[in-house]
Amino acid sequence: MKEIMNKEQLSRTLKRMTHEMIERNSNLNDIVLIGILKKGYPIAQMLQENFKRFADIEVPCFPLDIHQYRDDIYPKDQADLQGLDIHEKNVILVDDVLFTGRSVRAAMDALSDHGRPTQIQLAILIDRGHRELPIRADYIGKNIPTSQNERILVDLISQSVFIVENE
């Protein structure tokens, strides 16, 4: 296991990503952060704190359970997103690692059941490549090319990111 991002680097990366989001979105009042459970939601909450600090705005932040929308899991029940209003909002979908793109596709399917946003942007902490679907992130913390026998571990307790060999 090799550390590729420590706590300080993670903090700096999320600050940079927040500044990029502020620059790209003309009306910050229309932003809604949606974090894919499990690790995307805590990252979205960190971004939410950065919005408060840098733009003095309280951006709504919601968790999204995509389990029911995965193409490899049955049966499909509708995700519980009570209180989520994404109609005519700029949704920033947040996840920890972008790999095949299947989680992002499932998240977009889940979001479509809850309204029609003006735009969906994708924020990813680590893009490791190996896409199976034509999905590209708008905000990328770090590009880490990996082999198929490696995986990325985002440890939110230590706030570090590691590359791990599969066994």
N, C-alpha and C. Protein backbone atom coordinates (compact mmCIF):
# COMPACT_ATOMS: atom_id res chain seq x y z
N MET A 1 0.86 -1.18 0.00
CA MET A 1 0.00 0.00 0.00
C MET A 1 0.90 1.24 0.00
N LYS A 2 0.64 2.11 -0.98
CA LYS A 2 1.47 3.31 -1.13
C LYS A 2 0.58 4.54 -1.02
N GLU A 3 0.94 5.46 -0.14
CA GLU A 3 0.18 6.70 0.02
C GLU A 3 0.43 7.60 -1.18
N ILE A 4 -0.67 8.07 -1.81
CA ILE A 4 -0.54 8.97 -2.95
C ILE A 4 -1.08 10.36 -2.65
N MET A 5 -1.77 10.49 -1.50
CA MET A 5 -2.28 11.80 -1.09
C MET A 5 -2.44 11.78 0.43
N ASN A 6 -1.79 12.71 1.11
CA ASN A 6 -1.93 12.80 2.56
C ASN A 6 -3.03 13.81 2.92
N LYS A 7 -3.23 14.02 4.21
CA LYS A 7 -4.31 14.90 4.68
C LYS A 7 -4.17 16.32 4.14
N GLU A 8 -2.97 16.86 4.17
CA GLU A 8 -2.73 18.22 3.69
C GLU A 8 -2.97 18.32 2.19
N GLN A 9 -2.50 17.33 1.43
CA GLN A 9 -2.70 17.33 -0.02
C GLN A 9 -4.19 17.19 -0.36
N LEU A 10 -4.90 16.36 0.40
CA LEU A 10 -6.33 16.19 0.19
C LEU A 10 -7.06 17.51 0.43
N SER A 11 -6.72 18.18 1.50
CA SER A 11 -7.35 19.47 1.83
C SER A 11 -7.09 20.49 0.73
N ARG A 12 -5.85 20.58 0.26
CA ARG A 12 -5.48 21.51 -0.81
C ARG A 12 -6.23 21.20 -2.10
N THR A 13 -6.34 19.91 -2.40
CA THR A 13 -7.02 19.47 -3.61
C THR A 13 -8.50 19.86 -3.57
N LEU A 14 -9.16 19.63 -2.44
CA LEU A 14 -10.58 19.97 -2.32
C LEU A 14 -10.79 21.49 -2.35
N LYS A 15 -9.86 22.24 -1.81
CA LYS A 15 -9.95 23.71 -1.89
C LYS A 15 -9.85 24.16 -3.34
N ARG A 16 -8.90 23.60 -4.08
CA ARG A 16 -8.74 23.96 -5.50
C ARG A 16 -10.00 23.60 -6.28
N MET A 17 -10.55 22.41 -6.03
CA MET A 17 -11.76 21.99 -6.73
C MET A 17 -12.92 22.93 -6.43
N THR A 18 -13.04 23.37 -5.17
CA THR A 18 -14.10 24.30 -4.80
C THR A 18 -13.95 25.62 -5.55
N HIS A 19 -12.73 26.13 -5.62
CA HIS A 19 -12.50 27.37 -6.36
C HIS A 19 -12.87 27.20 -7.84
N GLU A 20 -12.57 26.05 -8.43
CA GLU A 20 -12.95 25.78 -9.82
C GLU A 20 -14.48 25.80 -9.96
N MET A 21 -15.18 25.22 -9.01
CA MET A 21 -16.65 25.19 -9.04
C MET A 21 -17.22 26.60 -8.94
N ILE A 22 -16.64 27.41 -8.07
CA ILE A 22 -17.10 28.79 -7.90
C ILE A 22 -16.89 29.57 -9.20
N GLU A 23 -15.74 29.36 -9.84
CA GLU A 23 -15.44 30.07 -11.09
C GLU A 23 -16.36 29.65 -12.23
N ARG A 24 -16.71 28.38 -12.30
CA ARG A 24 -17.49 27.86 -13.44
C ARG A 24 -19.00 28.08 -13.30
N ASN A 25 -19.48 28.37 -12.12
CA ASN A 25 -20.92 28.51 -11.90
C ASN A 25 -21.25 29.96 -11.57
N SER A 26 -21.98 30.60 -12.47
CA SER A 26 -22.27 32.03 -12.29
C SER A 26 -23.24 32.29 -11.15
N ASN A 27 -24.21 31.39 -10.92
CA ASN A 27 -25.16 31.58 -9.83
C ASN A 27 -24.96 30.47 -8.79
N LEU A 28 -24.25 30.78 -7.73
CA LEU A 28 -23.95 29.77 -6.71
C LEU A 28 -25.19 29.35 -5.94
N ASN A 29 -26.24 30.16 -5.98
CA ASN A 29 -27.49 29.80 -5.29
C ASN A 29 -28.21 28.64 -5.96
N ASP A 30 -27.83 28.31 -7.20
CA ASP A 30 -28.47 27.21 -7.92
C ASP A 30 -27.72 25.89 -7.78
N ILE A 31 -26.63 25.87 -7.03
CA ILE A 31 -25.83 24.65 -6.88
C ILE A 31 -26.42 23.76 -5.79
N VAL A 32 -26.44 22.46 -6.09
CA VAL A 32 -26.77 21.43 -5.10
C VAL A 32 -25.68 20.38 -5.19
N LEU A 33 -25.06 20.05 -4.07
CA LEU A 33 -24.06 18.99 -4.02
C LEU A 33 -24.75 17.67 -3.70
N ILE A 34 -24.47 16.64 -4.49
CA ILE A 34 -25.01 15.31 -4.26
C ILE A 34 -23.83 14.36 -4.16
N GLY A 35 -23.63 13.76 -2.99
CA GLY A 35 -22.52 12.84 -2.78
C GLY A 35 -22.98 11.40 -2.85
N ILE A 36 -22.32 10.62 -3.70
CA ILE A 36 -22.64 9.20 -3.82
C ILE A 36 -22.15 8.50 -2.56
N LEU A 37 -23.07 7.73 -1.93
CA LEU A 37 -22.69 6.97 -0.74
C LEU A 37 -21.76 5.84 -1.15
N LYS A 38 -20.81 5.54 -0.45
CA LYS A 38 -20.42 5.88 0.89
C LYS A 38 -19.43 7.04 0.93
N LYS A 39 -18.44 7.04 0.07
CA LYS A 39 -17.36 8.01 0.24
C LYS A 39 -17.56 9.33 -0.48
N GLY A 40 -18.44 9.39 -1.45
CA GLY A 40 -18.70 10.64 -2.15
C GLY A 40 -19.38 11.67 -1.27
N TYR A 41 -20.27 11.19 -0.38
CA TYR A 41 -21.01 12.12 0.48
C TYR A 41 -20.11 12.88 1.46
N PRO A 42 -19.20 12.20 2.18
CA PRO A 42 -18.30 12.98 3.05
C PRO A 42 -17.42 13.97 2.28
N ILE A 43 -17.03 13.61 1.07
CA ILE A 43 -16.25 14.54 0.25
C ILE A 43 -17.12 15.73 -0.13
N ALA A 44 -18.40 15.48 -0.47
CA ALA A 44 -19.33 16.57 -0.79
C ALA A 44 -19.50 17.49 0.41
N GLN A 45 -19.53 16.93 1.61
CA GLN A 45 -19.66 17.75 2.82
C GLN A 45 -18.42 18.63 3.02
N MET A 46 -17.25 18.10 2.68
CA MET A 46 -16.03 18.91 2.77
C MET A 46 -16.08 20.05 1.76
N LEU A 47 -16.58 19.77 0.57
CA LEU A 47 -16.74 20.82 -0.44
C LEU A 47 -17.76 21.86 0.03
N GLN A 48 -18.82 21.40 0.68
CA GLN A 48 -19.85 22.31 1.22
C GLN A 48 -19.22 23.28 2.22
N GLU A 49 -18.35 22.77 3.09
CA GLU A 49 -17.65 23.63 4.05
C GLU A 49 -16.77 24.64 3.33
N ASN A 50 -16.12 24.20 2.26
CA ASN A 50 -15.27 25.13 1.48
C ASN A 50 -16.10 26.22 0.83
N PHE A 51 -17.30 25.88 0.34
CA PHE A 51 -18.18 26.91 -0.23
C PHE A 51 -18.51 27.96 0.83
N LYS A 52 -18.78 27.50 2.06
CA LYS A 52 -19.06 28.45 3.15
C LYS A 52 -17.87 29.37 3.38
N ARG A 53 -16.69 28.77 3.42
CA ARG A 53 -15.47 29.52 3.72
C ARG A 53 -15.09 30.49 2.61
N PHE A 54 -15.17 30.04 1.34
CA PHE A 54 -14.66 30.84 0.24
C PHE A 54 -15.70 31.76 -0.40
N ALA A 55 -16.98 31.36 -0.38
CA ALA A 55 -18.01 32.14 -1.07
C ALA A 55 -19.11 32.61 -0.13
N ASP A 56 -18.98 32.27 1.14
CA ASP A 56 -19.96 32.67 2.15
C ASP A 56 -21.38 32.28 1.73
N ILE A 57 -21.52 31.03 1.28
CA ILE A 57 -22.82 30.54 0.84
C ILE A 57 -23.04 29.13 1.38
N GLU A 58 -24.27 28.85 1.77
CA GLU A 58 -24.65 27.53 2.27
C GLU A 58 -25.22 26.73 1.10
N VAL A 59 -24.40 25.87 0.52
CA VAL A 59 -24.83 25.04 -0.61
C VAL A 59 -25.48 23.78 -0.05
N PRO A 60 -26.71 23.45 -0.49
CA PRO A 60 -27.35 22.22 -0.01
C PRO A 60 -26.51 21.00 -0.40
N CYS A 61 -26.49 20.00 0.47
CA CYS A 61 -25.70 18.80 0.25
C CYS A 61 -26.54 17.59 0.67
N PHE A 62 -26.66 16.61 -0.23
CA PHE A 62 -27.46 15.43 0.03
C PHE A 62 -26.67 14.17 -0.29
N PRO A 63 -26.94 13.07 0.45
CA PRO A 63 -26.36 11.78 0.11
C PRO A 63 -27.22 11.09 -0.95
N LEU A 64 -26.61 10.28 -1.79
CA LEU A 64 -27.34 9.52 -2.80
C LEU A 64 -26.91 8.06 -2.75
N ASP A 65 -27.86 7.19 -2.44
CA ASP A 65 -27.62 5.74 -2.43
C ASP A 65 -27.99 5.22 -3.81
N ILE A 66 -27.00 4.76 -4.56
CA ILE A 66 -27.23 4.32 -5.94
C ILE A 66 -27.40 2.80 -6.04
N HIS A 67 -27.39 2.13 -4.91
CA HIS A 67 -27.43 0.67 -4.90
C HIS A 67 -28.54 0.12 -5.79
N GLN A 68 -29.72 0.71 -5.71
CA GLN A 68 -30.87 0.22 -6.45
C GLN A 68 -30.74 0.46 -7.96
N TYR A 69 -29.84 1.32 -8.36
CA TYR A 69 -29.71 1.70 -9.76
C TYR A 69 -28.53 1.03 -10.46
N ARG A 70 -27.78 0.24 -9.72
CA ARG A 70 -26.66 -0.48 -10.34
C ARG A 70 -27.21 -1.48 -11.35
N ASP A 71 -26.53 -1.66 -12.46
CA ASP A 71 -27.03 -2.58 -13.47
C ASP A 71 -26.72 -4.04 -13.14
N ASP A 72 -26.02 -4.24 -12.03
CA ASP A 72 -25.70 -5.62 -11.63
C ASP A 72 -26.40 -6.04 -10.34
N ILE A 73 -27.38 -5.26 -9.89
CA ILE A 73 -28.10 -5.56 -8.65
C ILE A 73 -29.60 -5.49 -8.91
N TYR A 74 -30.33 -6.50 -8.43
CA TYR A 74 -31.80 -6.54 -8.58
C TYR A 74 -32.40 -6.88 -7.24
N PRO A 75 -33.64 -6.54 -6.91
CA PRO A 75 -34.55 -5.71 -7.70
C PRO A 75 -34.22 -4.23 -7.51
N LYS A 76 -34.82 -3.40 -8.36
CA LYS A 76 -34.57 -1.97 -8.31
C LYS A 76 -35.71 -1.28 -7.58
N ASP A 77 -35.41 -0.66 -6.47
CA ASP A 77 -36.36 0.16 -5.73
C ASP A 77 -35.95 1.60 -5.93
N GLN A 78 -36.89 2.52 -5.81
CA GLN A 78 -36.56 3.93 -5.98
C GLN A 78 -35.75 4.43 -4.79
N ALA A 79 -34.72 5.20 -5.08
CA ALA A 79 -33.87 5.76 -4.02
C ALA A 79 -34.67 6.73 -3.17
N ASP A 80 -34.35 6.78 -1.91
CA ASP A 80 -35.04 7.68 -0.99
C ASP A 80 -34.28 9.01 -0.94
N LEU A 81 -34.81 10.02 -1.62
CA LEU A 81 -34.17 11.32 -1.68
C LEU A 81 -35.13 12.40 -1.20
N GLN A 82 -35.78 12.16 -0.07
CA GLN A 82 -36.74 13.12 0.44
C GLN A 82 -36.06 14.45 0.73
N GLY A 83 -36.73 15.52 0.34
CA GLY A 83 -36.19 16.85 0.58
C GLY A 83 -35.25 17.32 -0.51
N LEU A 84 -35.01 16.46 -1.49
CA LEU A 84 -34.09 16.82 -2.57
C LEU A 84 -34.86 17.52 -3.68
N ASP A 85 -34.51 18.76 -3.94
CA ASP A 85 -35.11 19.51 -5.04
C ASP A 85 -34.00 19.85 -6.02
N ILE A 86 -33.99 19.16 -7.16
CA ILE A 86 -32.95 19.41 -8.15
C ILE A 86 -33.50 20.06 -9.41
N HIS A 87 -34.80 20.31 -9.43
CA HIS A 87 -35.41 20.91 -10.62
C HIS A 87 -34.80 22.29 -10.88
N GLU A 88 -34.27 22.45 -12.10
CA GLU A 88 -33.63 23.68 -12.53
C GLU A 88 -32.46 24.11 -11.64
N LYS A 89 -31.77 23.14 -11.07
CA LYS A 89 -30.57 23.40 -10.26
C LYS A 89 -29.34 22.88 -11.02
N ASN A 90 -28.18 23.38 -10.65
CA ASN A 90 -26.92 22.85 -11.15
C ASN A 90 -26.43 21.83 -10.13
N VAL A 91 -26.60 20.58 -10.45
CA VAL A 91 -26.21 19.50 -9.56
C VAL A 91 -24.73 19.20 -9.77
N ILE A 92 -23.99 19.18 -8.67
CA ILE A 92 -22.60 18.71 -8.73
C ILE A 92 -22.59 17.36 -8.04
N LEU A 93 -22.44 16.32 -8.83
CA LEU A 93 -22.39 14.95 -8.35
C LEU A 93 -20.96 14.66 -7.90
N VAL A 94 -20.81 14.15 -6.68
CA VAL A 94 -19.47 13.98 -6.09
C VAL A 94 -19.24 12.51 -5.76
N ASP A 95 -18.06 12.00 -6.14
CA ASP A 95 -17.66 10.65 -5.74
C ASP A 95 -16.16 10.64 -5.50
N ASP A 96 -15.69 9.56 -4.87
CA ASP A 96 -14.29 9.49 -4.52
C ASP A 96 -13.41 9.07 -5.70
N VAL A 97 -13.76 7.97 -6.38
CA VAL A 97 -12.92 7.44 -7.44
C VAL A 97 -13.76 7.20 -8.69
N LEU A 98 -13.27 7.65 -9.83
CA LEU A 98 -13.90 7.36 -11.11
C LEU A 98 -13.09 6.26 -11.77
N PHE A 99 -13.78 5.14 -12.05
CA PHE A 99 -13.12 3.98 -12.63
C PHE A 99 -13.83 3.62 -13.93
N THR A 100 -14.81 2.73 -13.90
CA THR A 100 -15.50 2.30 -15.12
C THR A 100 -16.56 3.30 -15.56
N GLY A 101 -17.10 4.07 -14.63
CA GLY A 101 -18.17 5.01 -14.93
C GLY A 101 -19.55 4.47 -14.59
N ARG A 102 -19.64 3.22 -14.16
CA ARG A 102 -20.94 2.62 -13.88
C ARG A 102 -21.64 3.23 -12.67
N SER A 103 -20.91 3.62 -11.66
CA SER A 103 -21.53 4.27 -10.49
C SER A 103 -22.11 5.63 -10.88
N VAL A 104 -21.40 6.36 -11.71
CA VAL A 104 -21.88 7.67 -12.14
C VAL A 104 -23.15 7.50 -12.99
N ARG A 105 -23.16 6.52 -13.87
CA ARG A 105 -24.36 6.26 -14.68
C ARG A 105 -25.54 5.93 -13.78
N ALA A 106 -25.32 5.08 -12.77
CA ALA A 106 -26.39 4.73 -11.83
C ALA A 106 -26.87 5.97 -11.08
N ALA A 107 -25.95 6.84 -10.70
CA ALA A 107 -26.32 8.07 -9.98
C ALA A 107 -27.16 8.98 -10.87
N MET A 108 -26.80 9.10 -12.13
CA MET A 108 -27.59 9.94 -13.04
C MET A 108 -28.99 9.35 -13.24
N ASP A 109 -29.09 8.02 -13.31
CA ASP A 109 -30.41 7.39 -13.39
C ASP A 109 -31.24 7.72 -12.15
N ALA A 110 -30.61 7.64 -10.98
CA ALA A 110 -31.32 7.95 -9.72
C ALA A 110 -31.77 9.41 -9.71
N LEU A 111 -30.91 10.31 -10.13
CA LEU A 111 -31.26 11.73 -10.14
C LEU A 111 -32.42 12.02 -11.08
N SER A 112 -32.48 11.32 -12.21
CA SER A 112 -33.54 11.58 -13.19
C SER A 112 -34.91 11.24 -12.63
N ASP A 113 -34.98 10.40 -11.61
CA ASP A 113 -36.26 10.08 -10.96
C ASP A 113 -36.72 11.19 -10.02
N HIS A 114 -35.88 12.21 -9.80
CA HIS A 114 -36.19 13.25 -8.82
C HIS A 114 -36.18 14.66 -9.40
N GLY A 115 -36.37 14.76 -10.69
CA GLY A 115 -36.46 16.08 -11.29
C GLY A 115 -35.51 16.22 -12.46
N ARG A 116 -35.58 17.39 -13.05
CA ARG A 116 -34.72 17.67 -14.20
C ARG A 116 -33.83 18.85 -13.88
N PRO A 117 -32.57 18.56 -13.53
CA PRO A 117 -31.66 19.67 -13.24
C PRO A 117 -31.31 20.43 -14.51
N THR A 118 -30.89 21.66 -14.35
CA THR A 118 -30.40 22.44 -15.47
C THR A 118 -29.15 21.79 -16.04
N GLN A 119 -28.31 21.30 -15.12
CA GLN A 119 -27.02 20.73 -15.52
C GLN A 119 -26.57 19.76 -14.43
N ILE A 120 -25.87 18.71 -14.85
CA ILE A 120 -25.20 17.82 -13.89
C ILE A 120 -23.71 17.91 -14.20
N GLN A 121 -22.96 18.30 -13.18
CA GLN A 121 -21.49 18.33 -13.28
C GLN A 121 -20.96 17.21 -12.40
N LEU A 122 -19.79 16.71 -12.73
CA LEU A 122 -19.20 15.59 -11.99
C LEU A 122 -17.88 16.02 -11.36
N ALA A 123 -17.80 15.83 -10.04
CA ALA A 123 -16.57 16.11 -9.29
C ALA A 123 -16.04 14.80 -8.72
N ILE A 124 -14.80 14.50 -9.04
CA ILE A 124 -14.17 13.24 -8.66
C ILE A 124 -12.85 13.54 -7.96
N LEU A 125 -12.62 12.91 -6.82
CA LEU A 125 -11.35 13.09 -6.13
C LEU A 125 -10.20 12.46 -6.93
N ILE A 126 -10.37 11.20 -7.34
CA ILE A 126 -9.34 10.48 -8.08
C ILE A 126 -9.93 9.89 -9.35
N ASP A 127 -9.32 10.20 -10.49
CA ASP A 127 -9.69 9.57 -11.76
C ASP A 127 -8.59 8.57 -12.09
N ARG A 128 -8.95 7.27 -12.09
CA ARG A 128 -7.94 6.24 -12.31
C ARG A 128 -7.98 5.63 -13.69
N GLY A 129 -8.89 6.11 -14.56
CA GLY A 129 -8.94 5.59 -15.92
C GLY A 129 -9.76 4.31 -16.02
N HIS A 130 -9.62 3.60 -17.14
CA HIS A 130 -10.29 2.31 -17.41
C HIS A 130 -11.79 2.46 -17.60
N ARG A 131 -12.23 3.53 -18.24
CA ARG A 131 -13.65 3.77 -18.43
C ARG A 131 -14.29 2.73 -19.32
N GLU A 132 -15.49 2.28 -18.95
CA GLU A 132 -16.31 1.40 -19.77
C GLU A 132 -17.46 2.17 -20.41
N LEU A 133 -17.74 3.35 -19.90
CA LEU A 133 -18.82 4.20 -20.41
C LEU A 133 -18.23 5.58 -20.74
N PRO A 134 -18.86 6.31 -21.68
CA PRO A 134 -18.31 7.61 -22.08
C PRO A 134 -18.65 8.70 -21.06
N ILE A 135 -17.99 8.62 -19.92
CA ILE A 135 -18.23 9.56 -18.82
C ILE A 135 -16.92 10.27 -18.50
N ARG A 136 -17.00 11.60 -18.35
CA ARG A 136 -15.82 12.42 -18.07
C ARG A 136 -16.14 13.36 -16.92
N ALA A 137 -15.22 13.52 -16.01
CA ALA A 137 -15.43 14.41 -14.86
C ALA A 137 -15.16 15.86 -15.24
N ASP A 138 -15.96 16.76 -14.64
CA ASP A 138 -15.76 18.20 -14.83
C ASP A 138 -14.69 18.74 -13.88
N TYR A 139 -14.62 18.15 -12.70
CA TYR A 139 -13.65 18.56 -11.68
C TYR A 139 -12.92 17.30 -11.22
N ILE A 140 -11.60 17.31 -11.34
CA ILE A 140 -10.79 16.15 -10.98
C ILE A 140 -9.75 16.59 -9.97
N GLY A 141 -9.73 15.90 -8.82
CA GLY A 141 -8.72 16.20 -7.83
C GLY A 141 -7.34 15.79 -8.31
N LYS A 142 -7.24 14.54 -8.79
CA LYS A 142 -5.94 14.03 -9.23
C LYS A 142 -6.17 12.88 -10.20
N ASN A 143 -5.41 12.86 -11.29
CA ASN A 143 -5.41 11.72 -12.21
C ASN A 143 -4.34 10.74 -11.76
N ILE A 144 -4.74 9.52 -11.50
CA ILE A 144 -3.80 8.48 -11.08
C ILE A 144 -4.00 7.28 -12.01
N PRO A 145 -3.22 7.17 -13.09
CA PRO A 145 -3.34 5.99 -13.94
C PRO A 145 -3.00 4.73 -13.15
N THR A 146 -3.85 3.73 -13.27
CA THR A 146 -3.63 2.48 -12.54
C THR A 146 -3.71 1.31 -13.50
N SER A 147 -3.22 0.18 -13.03
CA SER A 147 -3.40 -1.05 -13.78
C SER A 147 -4.67 -1.73 -13.27
N GLN A 148 -5.11 -2.75 -13.98
CA GLN A 148 -6.31 -3.46 -13.57
C GLN A 148 -6.11 -4.21 -12.24
N ASN A 149 -4.87 -4.51 -11.89
CA ASN A 149 -4.64 -5.24 -10.64
C ASN A 149 -4.34 -4.32 -9.46
N GLU A 150 -4.65 -3.05 -9.63
CA GLU A 150 -4.51 -2.08 -8.54
C GLU A 150 -5.87 -1.48 -8.23
N ARG A 151 -6.00 -0.94 -7.04
CA ARG A 151 -7.21 -0.20 -6.70
C ARG A 151 -6.81 1.01 -5.87
N ILE A 152 -7.73 1.97 -5.81
CA ILE A 152 -7.51 3.19 -5.04
C ILE A 152 -8.33 3.09 -3.77
N LEU A 153 -7.71 3.36 -2.64
CA LEU A 153 -8.39 3.34 -1.35
C LEU A 153 -8.39 4.76 -0.79
N VAL A 154 -9.58 5.32 -0.63
CA VAL A 154 -9.73 6.64 -0.02
C VAL A 154 -10.11 6.40 1.44
N ASP A 155 -9.21 6.73 2.34
CA ASP A 155 -9.44 6.54 3.78
C ASP A 155 -9.86 7.88 4.37
N LEU A 156 -11.15 8.01 4.62
CA LEU A 156 -11.66 9.30 5.11
C LEU A 156 -11.38 9.52 6.59
N ILE A 157 -11.03 8.48 7.31
CA ILE A 157 -10.67 8.63 8.73
C ILE A 157 -9.32 9.33 8.83
N SER A 158 -8.33 8.83 8.11
CA SER A 158 -7.00 9.46 8.13
C SER A 158 -6.91 10.59 7.10
N GLN A 159 -7.93 10.71 6.24
CA GLN A 159 -7.96 11.67 5.15
C GLN A 159 -6.73 11.52 4.26
N SER A 160 -6.50 10.26 3.86
CA SER A 160 -5.39 9.92 2.98
C SER A 160 -5.91 9.05 1.85
N VAL A 161 -5.15 9.01 0.76
CA VAL A 161 -5.50 8.18 -0.39
C VAL A 161 -4.32 7.26 -0.67
N PHE A 162 -4.63 5.99 -0.92
CA PHE A 162 -3.60 4.98 -1.14
C PHE A 162 -3.87 4.23 -2.45
N ILE A 163 -2.80 3.71 -3.04
CA ILE A 163 -2.92 2.78 -4.14
C ILE A 163 -2.54 1.41 -3.59
N VAL A 164 -3.38 0.43 -3.88
CA VAL A 164 -3.23 -0.90 -3.28
C VAL A 164 -3.22 -1.94 -4.39
N GLU A 165 -2.32 -2.92 -4.27
CA GLU A 165 -2.29 -4.05 -5.20
C GLU A 165 -3.42 -5.01 -4.85
N ASN A 166 -4.20 -5.43 -5.85
CA ASN A 166 -5.22 -6.46 -5.61
C ASN A 166 -4.54 -7.79 -5.34
N GLU A 167 -5.18 -8.57 -4.52
CA GLU A 167 -4.58 -9.87 -4.20
C GLU A 167 -5.21 -10.97 -5.00
